[in-house]
């Protein structure tokens, strides 16, 4: 083989290796491990309802009455588009279709934590090494003295959830998510955790992804800093939640940072404007259960931190009447379909999705919260419909999940990488044959 041919082949090798490196850099998918701690029971459903009640009561008056954002966004198109550019994916863990969470790190060198990515809150917090609560003994804790990038904030914080609360001090440090380093992120360093909700949680802390207006003490949420520090190509994130998890499955879905992955959903995203910029709240055109209308032009919140569908009390009673209150597992297939209409498009939830089976018994995955006049669409809905949270355009996008896609196992970038490796192998083979 001539020197010229060798140079050409060497250049080709470098080009292919560059393609592979670029493909690997385009997506950051971090695998997480599933905790075996959570067991779904009727008591856990009740506890979650209480959690949601307390969680949303803090802003209930704003949710019920605020419509300033609605008027400004009412002219937005609900057409479907795909966000272009690179995006970053954070792999999630699914425990029995409940408690989706993933891995982040804080500090230098990194200290790792499992956090729940929660679109129903806006603060990031993790347990402190100085936490005096018994709950902290079973969790990973943050040590400011062990981080060279720690910055003292000096302020205190307190957050109350439905079945527990956390309090402590605010700290600032480097926070890394899916390989993206957020510099100067302020977060809660919890020194006290109380309540059964904290004790039974399968995660260390919470990574809030709602609007900054909800953040306790005015702390800027992490995703805002991701965007301002140009770590993502667009102020957009999206969730694929795998709703077919089992006690042995560790893959729970993906959090995509910076856009949406079309391989994880079918068709086009259907958009609806955000109604009020605190929670990810929007207006549904109508909801029916079978042939019965449950509500028209009703408000809803898309919340990854809630597994259930939460409805106003009056609507809950209507649902119980339609379903005859007592649910027999053998009758699931004959129950009516729940249909939610968004931007003129029906999104259907079959009874197999809104009925929860617990040790041979069946119960509703729909609960009510006293005093609420809005819906909360948790993972029962988001697990069926890929959900995009577009902070830049103040809108939400929904599309049917692509359950047959391999769930990111063979994304376009990975396919490109495999193709490049195949080309590299063929090039070496040709080179070897020419030398013989």
Protein backbone atom coordinates (compact mmCIF):
# COMPACT_ATOMS: atom_id res chain seq x y z
CA UNK A 1 0.00 0.00 0.00
CA UNK A 2 1.45 3.43 -0.99
CA UNK A 3 2.16 6.27 1.42
CA UNK A 4 -0.59 8.32 -0.22
CA UNK A 5 -3.15 5.56 0.33
CA UNK A 6 -2.03 5.23 3.94
CA UNK A 7 -2.59 8.94 4.50
CA UNK A 8 -6.03 8.78 2.92
CA UNK A 9 -6.98 5.82 5.10
CA UNK A 10 -5.62 7.52 8.21
CA UNK A 11 -7.70 10.62 7.40
CA UNK A 12 -10.77 8.43 6.89
CA UNK A 13 -10.15 6.75 10.23
CA UNK A 14 -9.94 10.10 11.99
CA UNK A 15 -13.15 11.26 10.29
CA UNK A 16 -15.04 8.15 11.38
CA UNK A 17 -13.71 8.39 14.90
CA UNK A 18 -14.81 12.02 14.94
CA UNK A 19 -18.32 10.97 13.89
CA UNK A 20 -18.45 8.41 16.69
CA UNK A 21 -17.18 10.92 19.24
CA UNK A 22 -19.69 13.51 18.04
CA UNK A 23 -22.51 10.98 18.23
CA UNK A 24 -21.58 10.05 21.78
CA UNK A 25 -21.36 13.72 22.80
CA UNK A 26 -24.78 14.62 21.36
CA UNK A 27 -26.74 12.57 23.88
CA UNK A 28 -25.97 12.02 27.53
CA UNK A 29 -28.01 9.10 28.85
CA UNK A 30 -27.15 8.22 32.42
CA UNK A 31 -28.40 4.83 33.68
CA UNK A 32 -29.75 4.68 37.22
CA UNK A 33 -30.39 1.80 39.59
CA UNK A 34 -33.82 0.94 40.90
CA UNK A 35 -34.50 0.79 44.61
CA UNK A 36 -36.54 -2.16 45.84
CA UNK A 37 -37.92 -0.14 48.74
CA UNK A 38 -41.31 0.98 47.46
CA UNK A 39 -44.33 -1.34 47.58
CA UNK A 40 -47.59 0.07 46.28
CA UNK A 41 -50.53 -0.34 48.64
CA UNK A 42 -53.87 1.31 49.22
CA UNK A 43 -52.22 3.15 52.10
CA UNK A 44 -49.55 4.52 49.77
CA UNK A 45 -52.24 5.85 47.43
CA UNK A 46 -53.92 7.64 50.33
CA UNK A 47 -50.54 9.00 51.48
CA UNK A 48 -49.87 10.34 48.02
CA UNK A 49 -53.26 12.05 47.94
CA UNK A 50 -52.37 13.76 51.22
CA UNK A 51 -48.99 14.70 49.79
CA UNK A 52 -50.60 16.30 46.75
CA UNK A 53 -53.16 18.13 48.88
CA UNK A 54 -50.45 19.86 50.93
CA UNK A 55 -48.18 20.38 47.96
CA UNK A 56 -50.75 22.25 45.90
CA UNK A 57 -52.52 24.05 48.70
CA UNK A 58 -49.54 26.41 48.90
CA UNK A 59 -50.46 27.93 45.55
CA UNK A 60 -54.09 26.95 45.23
CA UNK A 61 -55.44 30.50 45.05
CA UNK A 62 -53.00 31.30 42.25
CA UNK A 63 -53.88 28.16 40.35
CA UNK A 64 -57.61 28.70 40.61
CA UNK A 65 -57.77 32.36 39.72
CA UNK A 66 -54.71 33.42 37.73
CA UNK A 67 -55.37 33.86 34.02
CA UNK A 68 -52.95 36.58 33.03
CA UNK A 69 -50.75 34.10 31.19
CA UNK A 70 -53.74 32.57 29.44
CA UNK A 71 -54.73 35.80 27.72
CA UNK A 72 -51.19 36.49 26.57
CA UNK A 73 -50.71 32.99 25.23
CA UNK A 74 -54.16 32.37 23.77
CA UNK A 75 -52.99 33.23 20.28
CA UNK A 76 -50.24 30.63 20.27
CA UNK A 77 -50.61 27.88 17.74
CA UNK A 78 -51.25 24.35 18.95
CA UNK A 79 -49.58 22.90 15.88
CA UNK A 80 -46.87 20.32 16.25
CA UNK A 81 -43.16 20.86 15.73
CA UNK A 82 -39.99 19.06 16.68
CA UNK A 83 -37.27 20.91 18.54
CA UNK A 84 -34.10 20.79 16.48
CA UNK A 85 -30.56 20.61 17.78
CA UNK A 86 -28.74 18.51 20.31
CA UNK A 87 -30.38 17.50 23.53
CA UNK A 88 -29.34 15.71 26.67
CA UNK A 89 -31.11 12.72 28.19
CA UNK A 90 -31.22 11.66 31.82
CA UNK A 91 -32.34 8.06 32.29
CA UNK A 92 -35.04 7.53 34.91
CA UNK A 93 -35.89 4.68 37.23
CA UNK A 94 -39.42 3.33 37.57
CA UNK A 95 -40.64 1.57 40.69
CA UNK A 96 -43.95 -0.14 39.91
CA UNK A 97 -44.94 2.83 37.70
CA UNK A 98 -44.33 5.18 40.65
CA UNK A 99 -41.52 7.37 41.88
CA UNK A 100 -39.48 8.14 38.79
CA UNK A 101 -36.04 9.48 39.62
CA UNK A 102 -32.49 9.71 38.37
CA UNK A 103 -28.92 10.49 39.30
CA UNK A 104 -27.20 13.87 39.75
CA UNK A 105 -24.02 14.98 41.44
CA UNK A 106 -23.16 18.02 43.52
CA UNK A 107 -19.75 19.45 44.34
CA UNK A 108 -16.12 18.85 43.41
CA UNK A 109 -15.25 16.01 43.52
CA UNK A 110 -18.81 14.90 42.73
CA UNK A 111 -21.14 13.62 45.45
CA UNK A 112 -23.94 11.55 43.92
CA UNK A 113 -27.66 11.63 44.74
CA UNK A 114 -30.85 10.02 43.49
CA UNK A 115 -33.47 12.74 42.99
CA UNK A 116 -37.07 12.87 41.89
CA UNK A 117 -37.44 15.14 38.86
CA UNK A 118 -40.60 16.99 39.86
CA UNK A 119 -42.46 19.36 37.54
CA UNK A 120 -44.79 20.16 40.45
CA UNK A 121 -42.15 22.02 42.49
CA UNK A 122 -39.22 24.33 41.77
CA UNK A 123 -36.49 23.76 44.38
CA UNK A 124 -33.54 21.39 44.41
CA UNK A 125 -32.69 19.93 47.79
CA UNK A 126 -30.69 16.98 49.13
CA UNK A 127 -29.94 15.76 52.67
CA UNK A 128 -27.02 17.35 54.50
CA UNK A 129 -24.27 15.45 56.28
CA UNK A 130 -25.39 17.53 59.26
CA UNK A 131 -28.95 16.18 59.11
CA UNK A 132 -30.09 15.05 62.54
CA UNK A 133 -33.23 13.21 61.41
CA UNK A 134 -33.43 9.44 61.40
CA UNK A 135 -34.62 9.53 57.77
CA UNK A 136 -31.24 10.89 56.67
CA UNK A 137 -29.38 7.84 57.99
CA UNK A 138 -30.53 5.74 55.01
CA UNK A 139 -29.74 8.37 52.40
CA UNK A 140 -26.75 9.87 50.69
CA UNK A 141 -25.82 13.19 52.27
CA UNK A 142 -24.02 16.28 51.01
CA UNK A 143 -20.86 17.46 52.74
CA UNK A 144 -19.92 21.07 51.97
CA UNK A 145 -16.49 20.61 53.55
CA UNK A 146 -15.72 17.87 51.04
CA UNK A 147 -16.35 20.13 48.03
CA UNK A 148 -13.77 22.61 46.74
CA UNK A 149 -16.46 24.49 44.78
CA UNK A 150 -18.86 25.00 47.71
CA UNK A 151 -20.02 28.57 48.37
CA UNK A 152 -21.67 29.52 51.63
CA UNK A 153 -25.10 31.12 51.26
CA UNK A 154 -26.08 31.59 54.88
CA UNK A 155 -29.86 31.63 54.41
CA UNK A 156 -32.30 29.03 55.73
CA UNK A 157 -35.10 27.26 53.85
CA UNK A 158 -38.17 25.17 54.70
CA UNK A 159 -40.49 23.20 52.39
CA UNK A 160 -43.63 21.39 53.51
CA UNK A 161 -44.99 18.43 51.57
CA UNK A 162 -48.16 16.42 52.13
CA UNK A 163 -46.73 13.77 54.40
CA UNK A 164 -43.48 15.36 55.45
CA UNK A 165 -41.26 18.41 55.41
CA UNK A 166 -37.64 19.40 54.98
CA UNK A 167 -35.70 22.36 56.31
CA UNK A 168 -32.09 23.46 56.54
CA UNK A 169 -29.72 25.92 54.91
CA UNK A 170 -29.19 27.13 51.36
CA UNK A 171 -25.85 26.31 49.77
CA UNK A 172 -24.28 26.97 46.37
CA UNK A 173 -22.13 24.55 44.40
CA UNK A 174 -21.63 22.88 41.02
CA UNK A 175 -24.55 20.60 40.13
CA UNK A 176 -24.06 18.06 37.34
CA UNK A 177 -26.96 16.45 35.48
CA UNK A 178 -26.34 14.05 32.59
CA UNK A 179 -22.83 15.42 32.20
CA UNK A 180 -23.99 19.06 32.17
CA UNK A 181 -22.24 21.14 34.85
CA UNK A 182 -24.37 23.92 36.30
CA UNK A 183 -22.04 26.42 37.94
CA UNK A 184 -23.20 28.35 40.99
CA UNK A 185 -26.46 26.48 41.58
CA UNK A 186 -28.16 27.28 44.88
CA UNK A 187 -29.93 24.36 46.53
CA UNK A 188 -31.34 23.26 49.85
CA UNK A 189 -29.07 21.36 52.19
CA UNK A 190 -31.65 19.62 54.39
CA UNK A 191 -30.72 19.24 58.05
CA UNK A 192 -34.20 18.11 59.19
CA UNK A 193 -36.57 15.71 57.44
CA UNK A 194 -39.87 14.73 59.02
CA UNK A 195 -42.92 12.61 58.15
CA UNK A 196 -43.63 9.20 56.69
CA UNK A 197 -43.38 10.61 53.19
CA UNK A 198 -39.69 11.28 53.72
CA UNK A 199 -39.11 7.97 55.48
CA UNK A 200 -40.65 5.87 52.71
CA UNK A 201 -39.19 7.80 49.77
CA UNK A 202 -36.94 5.85 47.42
CA UNK A 203 -34.92 8.94 46.50
CA UNK A 204 -32.51 11.21 48.35
CA UNK A 205 -33.92 14.58 47.33
CA UNK A 206 -36.08 16.48 44.87
CA UNK A 207 -35.10 18.30 41.68
CA UNK A 208 -37.84 20.88 41.04
CA UNK A 209 -38.66 21.75 37.42
CA UNK A 210 -41.68 24.04 37.70
CA UNK A 211 -41.59 27.80 37.11
CA UNK A 212 -39.26 30.01 39.13
CA UNK A 213 -42.26 31.84 40.63
CA UNK A 214 -42.89 28.75 42.76
CA UNK A 215 -39.36 28.49 44.14
CA UNK A 216 -38.97 28.89 47.89
CA UNK A 217 -36.78 31.88 48.85
CA UNK A 218 -36.60 32.99 45.22
CA UNK A 219 -33.93 30.42 44.34
CA UNK A 220 -33.50 30.05 40.58
CA UNK A 221 -34.38 26.46 39.55
CA UNK A 222 -31.58 24.37 37.99
CA UNK A 223 -33.05 24.23 34.49
CA UNK A 224 -33.15 28.03 34.30
CA UNK A 225 -29.41 28.04 34.99
CA UNK A 226 -28.84 25.30 32.43
CA UNK A 227 -30.37 27.54 29.81
CA UNK A 228 -28.68 30.79 30.91
CA UNK A 229 -25.31 29.02 30.98
CA UNK A 230 -25.93 27.69 27.45
CA UNK A 231 -25.71 24.05 28.51
CA UNK A 232 -28.75 23.12 26.39
CA UNK A 233 -29.74 24.21 22.89
CA UNK A 234 -33.28 25.21 23.81
CA UNK A 235 -35.20 26.07 27.01
CA UNK A 236 -37.16 22.85 26.65
CA UNK A 237 -37.22 19.54 28.51
CA UNK A 238 -39.41 16.50 28.05
CA UNK A 239 -40.33 13.24 29.75
CA UNK A 240 -40.78 9.72 28.54
CA UNK A 241 -42.08 7.66 31.47
CA UNK A 242 -42.16 3.92 30.85
CA UNK A 243 -45.43 2.73 32.36
CA UNK A 244 -44.72 -0.96 31.94
CA UNK A 245 -42.21 -1.21 34.77
CA UNK A 246 -42.09 -4.32 36.93
CA UNK A 247 -40.39 -5.30 40.15
CA UNK A 248 -37.39 -6.45 38.12
CA UNK A 249 -37.23 -3.68 35.51
CA UNK A 250 -34.73 -0.91 36.17
CA UNK A 251 -35.46 1.26 33.12
CA UNK A 252 -38.14 3.80 33.89
CA UNK A 253 -37.86 6.21 30.98
CA UNK A 254 -35.89 9.32 30.14
CA UNK A 255 -35.74 13.00 30.94
CA UNK A 256 -34.59 14.83 27.82
CA UNK A 257 -32.89 18.16 28.48
CA UNK A 258 -32.86 20.73 25.67
CA UNK A 259 -35.60 19.35 23.44
CA UNK A 260 -37.59 16.24 22.57
CA UNK A 261 -36.65 12.86 21.13
CA UNK A 262 -39.04 11.98 18.26
CA UNK A 263 -38.04 8.32 18.50
CA UNK A 264 -39.86 8.14 21.85
CA UNK A 265 -43.26 9.24 20.59
CA UNK A 266 -45.53 8.69 17.58
CA UNK A 267 -47.01 11.36 15.35
CA UNK A 268 -46.58 15.01 16.25
CA UNK A 269 -46.64 16.87 19.53
CA UNK A 270 -49.93 18.62 20.24
CA UNK A 271 -49.29 21.94 21.98
CA UNK A 272 -51.35 23.90 24.48
CA UNK A 273 -50.35 27.24 26.07
CA UNK A 274 -49.47 27.39 29.75
CA UNK A 275 -52.40 28.96 31.57
CA UNK A 276 -50.56 30.26 34.62
CA UNK A 277 -46.78 30.36 34.95
CA UNK A 278 -46.23 28.74 38.33
CA UNK A 279 -47.03 25.06 37.99
CA UNK A 280 -47.17 23.62 34.47
CA UNK A 281 -50.87 24.41 34.25
CA UNK A 282 -53.04 24.38 31.13
CA UNK A 283 -56.68 24.26 30.09
CA UNK A 284 -58.33 21.05 28.92
CA UNK A 285 -61.23 21.55 26.54
CA UNK A 286 -63.15 18.71 28.10
CA UNK A 287 -62.98 15.38 29.92
CA UNK A 288 -65.38 12.47 29.49
CA UNK A 289 -65.68 9.06 31.09
CA UNK A 290 -67.37 6.93 28.50
CA UNK A 291 -70.34 9.00 27.30
CA UNK A 292 -70.52 11.13 30.46
CA UNK A 293 -68.99 14.62 30.45
CA UNK A 294 -66.99 15.22 33.62
CA UNK A 295 -65.99 18.81 32.91
CA UNK A 296 -65.60 21.40 30.16
CA UNK A 297 -62.79 23.95 29.87
CA UNK A 298 -61.23 22.75 33.09
CA UNK A 299 -57.73 23.44 34.39
CA UNK A 300 -55.03 20.80 34.78
CA UNK A 301 -51.41 20.55 35.90
CA UNK A 302 -48.83 18.17 34.38
CA UNK A 303 -46.91 16.80 37.36
CA UNK A 304 -44.17 14.15 37.13
CA UNK A 305 -43.95 14.14 40.93
CA UNK A 306 -47.44 12.63 41.23
CA UNK A 307 -48.29 9.12 40.09
CA UNK A 308 -52.08 9.47 40.25
CA UNK A 309 -54.72 11.52 38.51
CA UNK A 310 -56.16 13.98 41.04
CA UNK A 311 -59.61 15.48 40.42
CA UNK A 312 -61.98 17.86 42.25
CA UNK A 313 -64.20 16.19 44.83
CA UNK A 314 -67.47 16.64 42.90
CA UNK A 315 -65.99 15.03 39.81
CA UNK A 316 -64.54 12.20 41.89
CA UNK A 317 -68.00 11.41 43.26
CA UNK A 318 -69.37 11.40 39.73
CA UNK A 319 -66.68 8.94 38.66
CA UNK A 320 -67.48 6.66 41.57
CA UNK A 321 -71.15 6.69 40.60
CA UNK A 322 -70.35 5.76 37.01
CA UNK A 323 -68.05 2.92 38.11
CA UNK A 324 -70.45 1.71 40.83
CA UNK A 325 -67.79 2.44 43.50
CA UNK A 326 -66.70 -1.20 43.92
CA UNK A 327 -64.27 -2.29 41.22
CA UNK A 328 -63.85 -5.96 40.35
CA UNK A 329 -60.56 -6.79 38.62
CA UNK A 330 -62.45 -9.11 36.27
CA UNK A 331 -64.51 -6.16 35.02
CA UNK A 332 -61.65 -3.84 34.02
CA UNK A 333 -62.01 -4.45 30.29
CA UNK A 334 -65.70 -3.48 30.39
CA UNK A 335 -65.16 -0.15 32.15
CA UNK A 336 -65.39 3.12 30.17
CA UNK A 337 -62.40 4.99 28.74
CA UNK A 338 -61.33 8.32 30.23
CA UNK A 339 -60.87 10.84 27.40
CA UNK A 340 -59.10 14.17 27.88
CA UNK A 341 -59.40 16.64 24.99
CA UNK A 342 -56.45 19.03 24.57
CA UNK A 343 -56.23 21.50 21.67
CA UNK A 344 -59.00 19.60 19.89
CA UNK A 345 -57.25 16.23 20.16
CA UNK A 346 -58.60 13.38 22.34
CA UNK A 347 -56.09 11.72 24.66
CA UNK A 348 -57.51 8.44 25.89
CA UNK A 349 -56.72 6.63 29.12
CA UNK A 350 -58.14 3.08 29.16
CA UNK A 351 -59.38 1.47 32.39
CA UNK A 352 -56.29 -0.74 32.45
CA UNK A 353 -54.30 2.47 33.03
CA UNK A 354 -56.51 4.28 35.55
CA UNK A 355 -57.27 1.14 37.60
CA UNK A 356 -54.47 0.07 39.93
CA UNK A 357 -54.13 -3.62 40.84
CA UNK A 358 -52.88 -4.25 44.37
CA UNK A 359 -52.23 -7.86 45.40
CA UNK A 360 -55.23 -9.19 43.50
CA UNK A 361 -57.46 -6.27 44.43
CA UNK A 362 -58.32 -3.35 42.19
CA UNK A 363 -58.76 0.30 43.07
CA UNK A 364 -58.93 3.61 41.28
CA UNK A 365 -55.72 5.39 40.33
CA UNK A 366 -57.86 8.51 40.50
CA UNK A 367 -58.17 10.40 43.79
CA UNK A 368 -59.69 13.68 44.94
CA UNK A 369 -58.29 16.62 46.88
CA UNK A 370 -60.72 18.59 49.02
CA UNK A 371 -61.11 22.20 47.98
CA UNK A 372 -59.36 21.86 44.62
CA UNK A 373 -61.05 22.93 41.39
CA UNK A 374 -58.32 21.73 39.02
CA UNK A 375 -56.98 18.39 37.80
CA UNK A 376 -53.48 17.03 38.37
CA UNK A 377 -52.29 14.72 35.61
CA UNK A 378 -49.58 12.56 37.12
CA UNK A 379 -47.69 9.60 35.77
CA UNK A 380 -50.84 7.65 34.84
CA UNK A 381 -51.28 10.25 32.09
CA UNK A 382 -47.63 11.14 31.39
CA UNK A 383 -46.77 7.44 31.26
CA UNK A 384 -49.02 7.12 28.19
CA UNK A 385 -48.22 10.48 26.62
CA UNK A 386 -44.76 11.85 26.01
CA UNK A 387 -44.78 15.33 27.53
CA UNK A 388 -42.71 18.32 26.46
CA UNK A 389 -42.27 21.30 28.80
CA UNK A 390 -41.40 24.32 26.65
CA UNK A 391 -40.21 27.08 28.97
CA UNK A 392 -39.24 29.38 26.11
CA UNK A 393 -42.70 29.41 24.52
CA UNK A 394 -44.66 28.76 27.75
CA UNK A 395 -46.44 25.74 26.36
CA UNK A 396 -46.83 22.01 26.86
CA UNK A 397 -46.70 19.38 24.12
CA UNK A 398 -48.22 15.89 24.23
CA UNK A 399 -47.92 12.85 21.98
CA UNK A 400 -48.50 9.11 22.32
CA UNK A 401 -45.44 7.29 23.60
CA UNK A 402 -43.69 5.01 21.16
CA UNK A 403 -43.63 1.83 23.22
CA UNK A 404 -42.15 -0.15 20.36
CA UNK A 405 -39.21 2.14 19.75
CA UNK A 406 -36.80 0.34 22.05
CA UNK A 407 -37.10 3.33 24.38
CA UNK A 408 -34.00 5.13 23.35
CA UNK A 409 -31.97 1.95 23.05
CA UNK A 410 -31.33 2.71 19.39
CA UNK A 411 -31.58 6.47 19.07
CA UNK A 412 -30.44 8.11 15.80
CA UNK A 413 -27.10 9.02 17.36
CA UNK A 414 -26.49 5.48 18.53
CA UNK A 415 -27.39 4.12 15.11
CA UNK A 416 -24.93 6.58 13.56
CA UNK A 417 -22.25 5.42 15.99
CA UNK A 418 -22.87 1.77 15.12
CA UNK A 419 -22.74 2.60 11.41
CA UNK A 420 -19.44 4.42 11.89
CA UNK A 421 -17.97 1.49 13.79
CA UNK A 422 -19.11 -0.82 11.00
CA UNK A 423 -17.42 1.39 8.43
CA UNK A 424 -14.27 1.42 10.53
CA UNK A 425 -14.24 -2.40 10.65
CA UNK A 426 -14.67 -2.64 6.87
CA UNK A 427 -11.84 -0.16 6.32
CA UNK A 428 -9.47 -2.18 8.48
CA UNK A 429 -10.54 -5.37 6.68
CA UNK A 430 -9.81 -3.85 3.27
CA UNK A 431 -6.48 -2.53 4.51
CA UNK A 432 -5.50 -5.95 5.85
CA UNK A 433 -6.44 -7.70 2.61
CA UNK A 434 -4.45 -5.19 0.53
CA UNK A 435 -1.34 -5.84 2.62
CA UNK A 436 -1.63 -9.54 1.84
